[in-house]
Structures are given as structure tokens and as C-alpha cells.
Amino acid sequence: MKPTVQEMTCIVCPNGCRLQVVEKDGKIEVTGATCKKGVAFAENELRNPTRSIASTVKTIFPDCPYVSVKTDGELPKGQIMQAMEQINAVTLKERLPIGGIVLEDVFGVNIVVTSDMTATPAPCRIGGREQAAVSSPDQA
């Protein structure tokens, strides 16, 4: 049985090495990597691919209707859609600081806030621009 060659681009550093990965008899051979991190990336990508997630969650606060969140580590690539279902189901009812936990242990990682909702004004964005508060049309 002829081993198959997979090509991938390493995403560990800005070099973006083009890797050729061959798995034969349970061993992985990586060429094209300029450092050990590229070899480790390729091996992990074949055996246990993981990813980070960045997204937003809804809140109950008019001055901050959405807040950015991310995973505090990497989760199995095959669990991303299920993790996003959990993230999309959240509506925050309390203001959290940067790093505040929104969801605990989602496939081994926590979902945390990346903006300080406790700051005044809250650094939230509406329609791509920063808003201190939402104003009604008759206040203009």
C-alpha cells in the first residue's frame, strides 16, 4: 500500500511553511518545515486537529448589545459547530471584565469575554462604530 502525501500550510508562525506530510506504518514524516514547531503542527493536525474560536454573544444591555468572546484554548476541530451552538444560545445578563467566563468547559475550554464590559462607557460596537450609548432619533 502506497503512503499518501498530504500538503498543508503551517499556521504556527508568519513563515507559513508549505509542508508535505506522509504517514506510513503509523509514523509521520514531515518535510518542508523550517523549525520543530512546523513538524509538531503537522503531526497534531493529522492526529488531533484543534482550533480556537472567536465570536460574539448577545447581552441585555442597550449600550452593549453584543460583546466579543473567544476560547481560552483550543478545542477539537470536530466540535466547533457544537461549541458555536452553545455560544449562540447565550445572552449575558451581567457585565463582565476582560477574561470573564461566559461558558465553562465547552469541550475542554472556557468561553471568555474579550472586551471590558464594566468600563464606562462600555467599549461595544454597533454597526461597525463605537457607541457610548444608543440614542433615539428624537434626541438628535
Protein backbone atom coordinates (compact mmCIF):
# COMPACT_ATOMS: atom_id res chain seq x y z
CA MET A 1 0.00 0.00 0.00
CA LYS A 2 1.47 3.29 -1.13
CA PRO A 3 1.53 6.03 1.52
CA THR A 4 -0.40 9.20 0.68
CA VAL A 5 1.19 12.62 0.79
CA GLN A 6 -0.82 15.44 2.31
CA GLU A 7 0.13 19.05 1.70
CA MET A 8 -0.63 21.71 4.25
CA THR A 9 0.49 25.18 5.25
CA CYS A 10 1.85 25.59 8.76
CA ILE A 11 -0.02 28.30 10.68
CA VAL A 12 2.16 28.37 13.82
CA CYS A 13 4.23 31.40 12.76
CA PRO A 14 4.22 34.00 9.96
CA ASN A 15 6.59 31.92 7.76
CA GLY A 16 3.68 29.79 6.51
CA CYS A 17 5.87 26.82 5.56
CA ARG A 18 4.46 24.52 2.88
CA LEU A 19 4.55 21.08 4.45
CA GLN A 20 4.41 17.65 2.87
CA VAL A 21 3.22 15.02 5.33
CA VAL A 22 3.45 11.27 4.82
CA GLU A 23 2.03 8.71 7.22
CA LYS A 24 3.45 5.22 6.79
CA ASP A 25 3.28 2.32 9.22
CA GLY A 26 1.97 4.59 11.98
CA LYS A 27 4.86 7.03 11.66
CA ILE A 28 4.56 10.56 10.36
CA GLU A 29 7.28 12.14 8.21
CA VAL A 30 7.18 15.89 7.65
CA THR A 31 9.21 17.79 5.07
CA GLY A 32 9.21 21.49 4.28
CA ALA A 33 9.18 22.70 7.88
CA THR A 34 11.88 25.22 8.79
CA CYS A 35 11.52 24.56 12.52
CA LYS A 36 10.39 21.92 15.02
CA LYS A 37 7.12 23.77 15.59
CA GLY A 38 6.08 23.04 12.00
CA VAL A 39 6.73 19.33 12.48
CA ALA A 40 4.69 19.32 15.70
CA PHE A 41 1.88 21.26 13.97
CA ALA A 42 1.69 18.71 11.13
CA GLU A 43 1.69 15.74 13.49
CA ASN A 44 -1.05 17.29 15.63
CA GLU A 45 -3.07 18.27 12.56
CA LEU A 46 -3.14 14.64 11.45
CA ARG A 47 -3.76 13.03 14.84
CA ASN A 48 -5.79 15.58 16.79
CA PRO A 49 -6.63 18.82 14.94
CA THR A 50 -7.70 21.67 17.23
CA ARG A 51 -8.82 25.26 16.73
CA SER A 52 -9.62 28.45 18.65
CA ILE A 53 -12.94 30.24 18.21
CA ALA A 54 -13.69 33.97 18.24
CA SER A 55 -17.32 35.11 18.14
CA THR A 56 -19.86 37.36 19.85
CA VAL A 57 -22.68 36.83 22.33
CA LYS A 58 -25.84 38.84 22.92
CA THR A 59 -26.33 40.88 26.07
CA ILE A 60 -29.31 42.57 27.73
CA PHE A 61 -27.55 45.97 27.78
CA PRO A 62 -28.70 48.65 25.28
CA ASP A 63 -25.25 50.30 25.26
CA CYS A 64 -23.61 46.95 24.56
CA PRO A 65 -25.99 44.62 22.70
CA TYR A 66 -23.17 42.24 21.70
CA VAL A 67 -19.76 41.52 23.21
CA SER A 68 -16.79 39.72 21.67
CA VAL A 69 -15.75 36.35 23.09
CA LYS A 70 -13.11 33.70 22.41
CA THR A 71 -11.97 30.34 23.63
CA ASP A 72 -9.22 30.38 26.26
CA GLY A 73 -7.53 27.47 24.49
CA GLU A 74 -8.07 25.16 21.56
CA LEU A 75 -10.87 22.64 21.21
CA PRO A 76 -11.18 19.63 18.90
CA LYS A 77 -11.86 20.76 15.33
CA GLY A 78 -14.81 18.36 15.04
CA GLN A 79 -16.57 20.07 17.98
CA ILE A 80 -16.58 23.62 16.58
CA MET A 81 -20.19 23.60 15.34
CA GLN A 82 -21.50 22.19 18.63
CA ALA A 83 -19.48 24.79 20.56
CA MET A 84 -20.93 27.56 18.37
CA GLU A 85 -24.45 26.32 19.12
CA GLN A 86 -23.72 26.77 22.83
CA ILE A 87 -22.14 30.20 22.29
CA ASN A 88 -25.07 31.38 20.13
CA ALA A 89 -27.56 30.33 22.82
CA VAL A 90 -26.03 32.70 25.42
CA THR A 91 -27.45 36.08 26.42
CA LEU A 92 -25.28 37.80 29.03
CA LYS A 93 -27.22 39.32 31.90
CA GLU A 94 -24.21 40.68 33.81
CA ARG A 95 -21.30 42.90 32.81
CA LEU A 96 -18.00 41.05 32.76
CA PRO A 97 -14.39 42.26 32.66
CA ILE A 98 -11.90 41.06 30.04
CA GLY A 99 -11.34 37.35 30.63
CA GLY A 100 -14.67 36.92 32.45
CA ILE A 101 -16.05 33.45 31.85
CA VAL A 102 -19.21 33.28 29.75
CA LEU A 103 -19.34 29.47 29.48
CA GLU A 104 -17.27 26.91 31.37
CA ASP A 105 -15.83 23.68 29.98
CA VAL A 106 -17.07 23.73 26.40
CA PHE A 107 -15.23 20.66 25.09
CA GLY A 108 -12.36 21.38 27.47
CA VAL A 109 -12.09 25.16 27.10
CA ASN A 110 -13.84 28.20 28.57
CA ILE A 111 -15.53 30.91 26.53
CA VAL A 112 -14.31 34.31 27.80
CA VAL A 113 -15.12 37.98 27.14
CA THR A 114 -12.51 39.96 25.19
CA SER A 115 -13.85 43.46 25.93
CA ASP A 116 -14.24 45.10 29.34
CA MET A 117 -18.00 45.45 29.73
CA THR A 118 -17.50 47.06 33.16
CA ALA A 119 -15.76 50.12 31.66
CA THR A 120 -17.73 53.35 31.35
CA PRO A 121 -18.74 53.73 28.61
CA ALA A 122 -18.69 50.08 27.60
CA PRO A 123 -16.38 49.58 24.58
CA CYS A 124 -19.00 47.93 22.40
CA ARG A 125 -19.60 48.36 18.71
CA ILE A 126 -22.88 48.80 16.90
CA GLY A 127 -22.89 48.81 13.11
CA GLY A 128 -19.08 48.95 12.99
CA ARG A 129 -18.70 52.15 15.01
CA GLU A 130 -18.09 52.66 18.71
CA GLN A 131 -21.14 53.66 20.70
CA ALA A 132 -21.22 55.02 24.23
CA ALA A 133 -24.98 54.73 24.34
CA VAL A 134 -27.81 54.13 21.92
CA SER A 135 -29.79 57.31 21.31
CA SER A 136 -33.28 57.64 19.96
CA PRO A 137 -33.95 59.67 16.78
CA ASP A 138 -35.73 62.46 18.71
CA GLN A 139 -32.60 63.07 20.82
CA ALA A 140 -30.57 64.15 17.80
